[in-house]
Each structure stands twice: as structure tokens, then as C-alpha cells.
Amino acid sequence: MTPRTSSSGLDMALFLYCSGAKLVGTPSAQSPNSWGNLLEWQLTNSKISGEVSSSFDIAFGDDPEKGRVLPVHFPLKWEKLASYDFDHNACFLFAIEILKELDDPQ
């Protein structure tokens, strides 16, 4: 049996955050301090199946709030999303806008 995980997006965001990157967009729905690595199981006779976590990851043991939600430095709020007409590339457009402002603060 091998554990199944779907945390690679959060893992990358955590790596970038801890490396000093500025995060843009919407906070992850997955908590940095959370259960992970699902092991699937099935009972032989009834075929009832389920999953159980095999690990608990602690990214921010000293900061419960960061452990609950990974902070985003530039959140893509409703007003900003609307200003991009709800374009599915809004997060990228917002990041480009931020970079432009940093490059030319006027």
C-alpha cells in the first residue's frame, strides 16, 4: 500500500513562502498543519472501503494562525477579481500588475 497525497500545490507554496517569495492569489484550502498521506483500505468480505491518514504535517508549530491558513501577501479579493472581469487568468494578471508597480513605483 502506498499513501495517496494531493498536497503538492501546498507543498510548493510552503517552499516558496519559506524561501522568501511573496504569494499572490487565494489562500490554500489545505492547512499547513494538517493530516496527510491517505492510505486507502477495503474490508475483504463487505467491500466497505475508506481512507485513513498516515501522517500529520506541522509547517508552523510555533504559529497556530499560519498553521491554519498559509498567508497570502497579495490576496486576490473580490473587487480585484471583478476588475479583471473574472478572467480565469486574474491571478497572473494581478501578479504582473504588482511587479509593474514594484518596478515603477512613480
N, C-alpha and C. Protein backbone atom coordinates (compact mmCIF):
# COMPACT_ATOMS: atom_id res chain seq x y z
N MET A 1 0.83 -1.17 0.00
CA MET A 1 0.00 0.00 0.00
C MET A 1 0.89 1.25 0.00
N THR A 2 0.53 2.22 -0.81
CA THR A 2 1.29 3.47 -0.83
C THR A 2 0.35 4.63 -0.48
N PRO A 3 0.84 5.61 0.23
CA PRO A 3 -0.03 6.73 0.61
C PRO A 3 -0.36 7.60 -0.60
N ARG A 4 -1.57 8.08 -0.62
CA ARG A 4 -2.02 8.99 -1.68
C ARG A 4 -2.03 10.40 -1.09
N THR A 5 -1.49 11.33 -1.83
CA THR A 5 -1.46 12.71 -1.35
C THR A 5 -1.86 13.66 -2.46
N SER A 6 -2.46 14.75 -2.09
CA SER A 6 -2.84 15.77 -3.07
C SER A 6 -2.34 17.13 -2.60
N SER A 7 -1.25 17.13 -1.85
CA SER A 7 -0.76 18.35 -1.22
C SER A 7 0.39 19.01 -1.96
N SER A 8 0.67 18.58 -3.18
CA SER A 8 1.85 19.11 -3.86
C SER A 8 1.74 20.62 -4.11
N GLY A 9 0.54 21.13 -4.36
CA GLY A 9 0.38 22.58 -4.53
C GLY A 9 0.70 23.33 -3.26
N LEU A 10 0.21 22.85 -2.13
CA LEU A 10 0.51 23.49 -0.85
C LEU A 10 1.99 23.33 -0.52
N ASP A 11 2.55 22.17 -0.80
CA ASP A 11 3.98 21.96 -0.53
C ASP A 11 4.83 22.97 -1.29
N MET A 12 4.50 23.22 -2.55
CA MET A 12 5.25 24.19 -3.35
C MET A 12 5.06 25.60 -2.78
N ALA A 13 3.83 25.96 -2.43
CA ALA A 13 3.57 27.28 -1.85
C ALA A 13 4.34 27.46 -0.54
N LEU A 14 4.38 26.42 0.30
CA LEU A 14 5.14 26.48 1.55
C LEU A 14 6.63 26.65 1.28
N PHE A 15 7.15 25.91 0.31
CA PHE A 15 8.56 26.02 -0.03
C PHE A 15 8.88 27.45 -0.48
N LEU A 16 8.05 27.99 -1.36
CA LEU A 16 8.27 29.35 -1.85
C LEU A 16 8.14 30.37 -0.71
N TYR A 17 7.11 30.22 0.12
CA TYR A 17 6.88 31.13 1.25
C TYR A 17 8.09 31.13 2.19
N CYS A 18 8.55 29.94 2.54
CA CYS A 18 9.69 29.82 3.46
C CYS A 18 11.00 30.28 2.83
N SER A 19 11.03 30.36 1.51
CA SER A 19 12.21 30.85 0.79
C SER A 19 12.17 32.35 0.57
N GLY A 20 11.09 33.00 1.06
CA GLY A 20 11.00 34.44 0.97
C GLY A 20 10.16 34.97 -0.17
N ALA A 21 9.54 34.09 -0.94
CA ALA A 21 8.69 34.53 -2.05
C ALA A 21 7.44 35.22 -1.52
N LYS A 22 6.89 36.09 -2.31
CA LYS A 22 5.62 36.75 -1.99
C LYS A 22 4.51 36.00 -2.72
N LEU A 23 3.50 35.56 -1.98
CA LEU A 23 2.40 34.80 -2.56
C LEU A 23 1.29 35.72 -3.02
N VAL A 24 0.75 35.42 -4.19
CA VAL A 24 -0.33 36.20 -4.80
C VAL A 24 -1.49 35.25 -5.04
N GLY A 25 -2.71 35.69 -4.74
CA GLY A 25 -3.88 34.89 -5.07
C GLY A 25 -4.78 34.63 -3.89
N THR A 26 -5.25 33.39 -3.80
CA THR A 26 -6.20 32.98 -2.78
C THR A 26 -5.53 31.96 -1.86
N PRO A 27 -5.71 32.08 -0.56
CA PRO A 27 -5.10 31.11 0.35
C PRO A 27 -5.56 29.69 0.04
N SER A 28 -4.67 28.74 0.25
CA SER A 28 -5.00 27.34 0.04
C SER A 28 -6.09 26.89 0.99
N ALA A 29 -6.95 26.01 0.52
CA ALA A 29 -7.98 25.43 1.38
C ALA A 29 -7.38 24.40 2.33
N GLN A 30 -6.16 23.96 2.03
CA GLN A 30 -5.49 22.98 2.89
C GLN A 30 -4.63 23.71 3.91
N SER A 31 -4.71 23.31 5.13
CA SER A 31 -3.93 23.92 6.20
C SER A 31 -2.50 23.41 6.17
N PRO A 32 -1.52 24.30 6.44
CA PRO A 32 -0.13 23.86 6.52
C PRO A 32 0.11 22.84 7.64
N ASN A 33 -0.61 22.98 8.74
CA ASN A 33 -0.55 21.99 9.83
C ASN A 33 -1.78 21.10 9.67
N SER A 34 -1.61 19.93 9.08
CA SER A 34 -2.79 19.10 8.82
C SER A 34 -2.41 17.64 8.60
N TRP A 35 -3.44 16.81 8.60
CA TRP A 35 -3.26 15.40 8.33
C TRP A 35 -2.99 15.22 6.84
N GLY A 36 -2.22 14.21 6.49
CA GLY A 36 -1.92 13.98 5.08
C GLY A 36 -1.61 12.53 4.79
N ASN A 37 -1.21 12.27 3.57
CA ASN A 37 -0.84 10.93 3.09
C ASN A 37 -1.92 9.89 3.40
N LEU A 38 -2.95 9.89 2.58
CA LEU A 38 -4.07 8.97 2.79
C LEU A 38 -3.73 7.55 2.38
N LEU A 39 -4.06 6.61 3.25
CA LEU A 39 -3.96 5.19 2.94
C LEU A 39 -5.39 4.68 2.74
N GLU A 40 -5.62 4.10 1.58
CA GLU A 40 -6.95 3.56 1.29
C GLU A 40 -7.02 2.11 1.78
N TRP A 41 -8.21 1.69 2.23
CA TRP A 41 -8.39 0.33 2.69
C TRP A 41 -9.76 -0.18 2.26
N GLN A 42 -9.91 -1.49 2.20
CA GLN A 42 -11.20 -2.10 1.88
C GLN A 42 -11.31 -3.41 2.65
N LEU A 43 -12.45 -3.58 3.33
CA LEU A 43 -12.70 -4.82 4.06
C LEU A 43 -12.96 -5.95 3.07
N THR A 44 -12.39 -7.09 3.33
CA THR A 44 -12.43 -8.22 2.40
C THR A 44 -13.85 -8.70 2.10
N ASN A 45 -14.64 -8.97 3.12
CA ASN A 45 -15.96 -9.57 2.90
C ASN A 45 -17.03 -8.56 2.49
N SER A 46 -17.13 -7.44 3.19
CA SER A 46 -18.20 -6.47 2.92
C SER A 46 -17.85 -5.50 1.79
N LYS A 47 -16.59 -5.40 1.47
CA LYS A 47 -16.08 -4.46 0.46
C LYS A 47 -16.25 -2.99 0.89
N ILE A 48 -16.58 -2.79 2.16
CA ILE A 48 -16.63 -1.42 2.68
C ILE A 48 -15.21 -0.86 2.59
N SER A 49 -15.11 0.38 2.10
CA SER A 49 -13.78 0.97 1.95
C SER A 49 -13.72 2.32 2.65
N GLY A 50 -12.51 2.77 2.83
CA GLY A 50 -12.31 4.06 3.47
C GLY A 50 -10.88 4.52 3.33
N GLU A 51 -10.57 5.58 4.02
CA GLU A 51 -9.22 6.15 4.00
C GLU A 51 -8.84 6.54 5.40
N VAL A 52 -7.55 6.47 5.70
CA VAL A 52 -7.03 6.91 6.98
C VAL A 52 -5.72 7.63 6.72
N SER A 53 -5.51 8.71 7.42
CA SER A 53 -4.28 9.47 7.26
C SER A 53 -3.14 8.77 7.97
N SER A 54 -1.96 8.84 7.36
CA SER A 54 -0.80 8.19 7.96
C SER A 54 0.24 9.19 8.47
N SER A 55 -0.07 10.48 8.38
CA SER A 55 0.90 11.46 8.88
C SER A 55 0.19 12.74 9.30
N PHE A 56 0.87 13.52 10.10
CA PHE A 56 0.41 14.85 10.46
C PHE A 56 1.57 15.80 10.20
N ASP A 57 1.38 16.70 9.25
CA ASP A 57 2.44 17.65 8.88
C ASP A 57 2.31 18.92 9.71
N ILE A 58 3.43 19.38 10.25
CA ILE A 58 3.46 20.61 11.02
C ILE A 58 4.46 21.55 10.36
N ALA A 59 3.93 22.53 9.63
CA ALA A 59 4.78 23.51 8.96
C ALA A 59 5.08 24.70 9.87
N PHE A 60 4.11 25.06 10.70
CA PHE A 60 4.26 26.21 11.59
C PHE A 60 3.82 25.82 13.00
N GLY A 61 4.66 25.06 13.68
CA GLY A 61 4.34 24.61 15.03
C GLY A 61 4.28 25.73 16.04
N ASP A 62 5.00 26.82 15.78
CA ASP A 62 5.06 27.94 16.72
C ASP A 62 4.06 29.04 16.40
N ASP A 63 3.27 28.89 15.33
CA ASP A 63 2.33 29.93 14.93
C ASP A 63 1.01 29.29 14.49
N PRO A 64 0.07 29.12 15.42
CA PRO A 64 -1.19 28.43 15.10
C PRO A 64 -1.97 29.07 13.94
N GLU A 65 -1.92 30.39 13.80
CA GLU A 65 -2.68 31.03 12.73
C GLU A 65 -2.09 30.68 11.36
N LYS A 66 -0.76 30.74 11.22
CA LYS A 66 -0.13 30.33 9.97
C LYS A 66 -0.34 28.84 9.74
N GLY A 67 -0.41 28.08 10.80
CA GLY A 67 -0.66 26.65 10.68
C GLY A 67 -2.06 26.34 10.20
N ARG A 68 -2.97 27.27 10.43
CA ARG A 68 -4.36 27.10 9.99
C ARG A 68 -4.54 27.52 8.55
N VAL A 69 -3.97 28.67 8.17
CA VAL A 69 -4.09 29.20 6.81
C VAL A 69 -2.76 29.83 6.41
N LEU A 70 -2.18 29.36 5.31
CA LEU A 70 -0.94 29.94 4.81
C LEU A 70 -1.22 31.36 4.32
N PRO A 71 -0.56 32.37 4.88
CA PRO A 71 -0.84 33.75 4.50
C PRO A 71 -0.46 34.04 3.05
N VAL A 72 -1.28 34.84 2.41
CA VAL A 72 -1.02 35.32 1.06
C VAL A 72 -0.67 36.80 1.18
N HIS A 73 0.47 37.21 0.63
CA HIS A 73 0.92 38.59 0.75
C HIS A 73 0.05 39.55 -0.06
N PHE A 74 -0.43 39.10 -1.20
CA PHE A 74 -1.27 39.92 -2.07
C PHE A 74 -2.53 39.12 -2.39
N PRO A 75 -3.55 39.21 -1.52
CA PRO A 75 -4.75 38.41 -1.75
C PRO A 75 -5.57 38.93 -2.93
N LEU A 76 -6.07 38.01 -3.72
CA LEU A 76 -6.94 38.35 -4.85
C LEU A 76 -8.36 38.44 -4.31
N LYS A 77 -8.73 39.65 -3.88
CA LYS A 77 -10.06 39.86 -3.29
C LYS A 77 -11.10 40.06 -4.39
N TRP A 78 -12.36 40.01 -3.99
CA TRP A 78 -13.49 40.10 -4.92
C TRP A 78 -13.40 41.32 -5.82
N GLU A 79 -13.10 42.47 -5.27
CA GLU A 79 -13.04 43.70 -6.05
C GLU A 79 -11.97 43.62 -7.14
N LYS A 80 -10.81 43.07 -6.78
CA LYS A 80 -9.72 42.94 -7.75
C LYS A 80 -10.10 41.93 -8.83
N LEU A 81 -10.69 40.83 -8.42
CA LEU A 81 -11.13 39.82 -9.38
C LEU A 81 -12.16 40.40 -10.35
N ALA A 82 -13.07 41.18 -9.81
CA ALA A 82 -14.09 41.83 -10.66
C ALA A 82 -13.45 42.82 -11.63
N SER A 83 -12.39 43.50 -11.18
CA SER A 83 -11.73 44.48 -12.05
C SER A 83 -11.08 43.80 -13.27
N TYR A 84 -10.82 42.51 -13.16
CA TYR A 84 -10.29 41.74 -14.29
C TYR A 84 -11.42 40.99 -15.01
N ASP A 85 -12.66 41.37 -14.73
CA ASP A 85 -13.85 40.77 -15.34
C ASP A 85 -13.88 39.26 -15.13
N PHE A 86 -13.42 38.83 -13.95
CA PHE A 86 -13.44 37.42 -13.53
C PHE A 86 -12.69 36.51 -14.51
N ASP A 87 -11.68 37.07 -15.15
CA ASP A 87 -10.84 36.31 -16.07
C ASP A 87 -10.17 35.16 -15.32
N HIS A 88 -10.13 33.98 -15.93
CA HIS A 88 -9.51 32.83 -15.25
C HIS A 88 -8.00 33.03 -15.07
N ASN A 89 -7.43 34.02 -15.72
CA ASN A 89 -6.01 34.36 -15.55
C ASN A 89 -5.81 35.52 -14.60
N ALA A 90 -6.84 35.88 -13.83
CA ALA A 90 -6.78 37.07 -12.97
C ALA A 90 -5.60 37.04 -12.00
N CYS A 91 -5.27 35.89 -11.46
CA CYS A 91 -4.16 35.80 -10.51
C CYS A 91 -2.84 36.18 -11.19
N PHE A 92 -2.66 35.72 -12.42
CA PHE A 92 -1.44 36.05 -13.16
C PHE A 92 -1.42 37.54 -13.54
N LEU A 93 -2.58 38.05 -13.96
CA LEU A 93 -2.68 39.48 -14.31
C LEU A 93 -2.38 40.34 -13.09
N PHE A 94 -2.87 39.93 -11.93
CA PHE A 94 -2.62 40.64 -10.69
C PHE A 94 -1.13 40.61 -10.35
N ALA A 95 -0.50 39.46 -10.50
CA ALA A 95 0.94 39.35 -10.22
C ALA A 95 1.74 40.27 -11.14
N ILE A 96 1.37 40.33 -12.41
CA ILE A 96 2.05 41.21 -13.36
C ILE A 96 1.86 42.67 -12.95
N GLU A 97 0.64 43.01 -12.53
CA GLU A 97 0.35 44.38 -12.06
C GLU A 97 1.24 44.73 -10.86
N ILE A 98 1.37 43.82 -9.93
CA ILE A 98 2.21 44.04 -8.73
C ILE A 98 3.66 44.23 -9.14
N LEU A 99 4.14 43.40 -10.04
CA LEU A 99 5.53 43.51 -10.49
C LEU A 99 5.78 44.85 -11.19
N LYS A 100 4.83 45.29 -11.97
CA LYS A 100 4.96 46.58 -12.64
C LYS A 100 5.04 47.72 -11.64
N GLU A 101 4.21 47.64 -10.59
CA GLU A 101 4.21 48.67 -9.55
C GLU A 101 5.53 48.67 -8.78
N LEU A 102 6.08 47.50 -8.53
CA LEU A 102 7.36 47.39 -7.83
C LEU A 102 8.50 47.93 -8.69
N ASP A 103 8.38 47.72 -10.01
CA ASP A 103 9.41 48.16 -10.93
C ASP A 103 9.35 49.67 -11.16
N ASP A 104 8.13 50.24 -11.15
CA ASP A 104 7.94 51.66 -11.41
C ASP A 104 6.99 52.25 -10.36
N PRO A 105 7.48 52.53 -9.14
CA PRO A 105 6.60 52.99 -8.06
C PRO A 105 6.05 54.40 -8.26
N GLN A 106 6.56 55.16 -9.23
CA GLN A 106 6.15 56.53 -9.57
C GLN A 106 6.32 57.42 -8.40
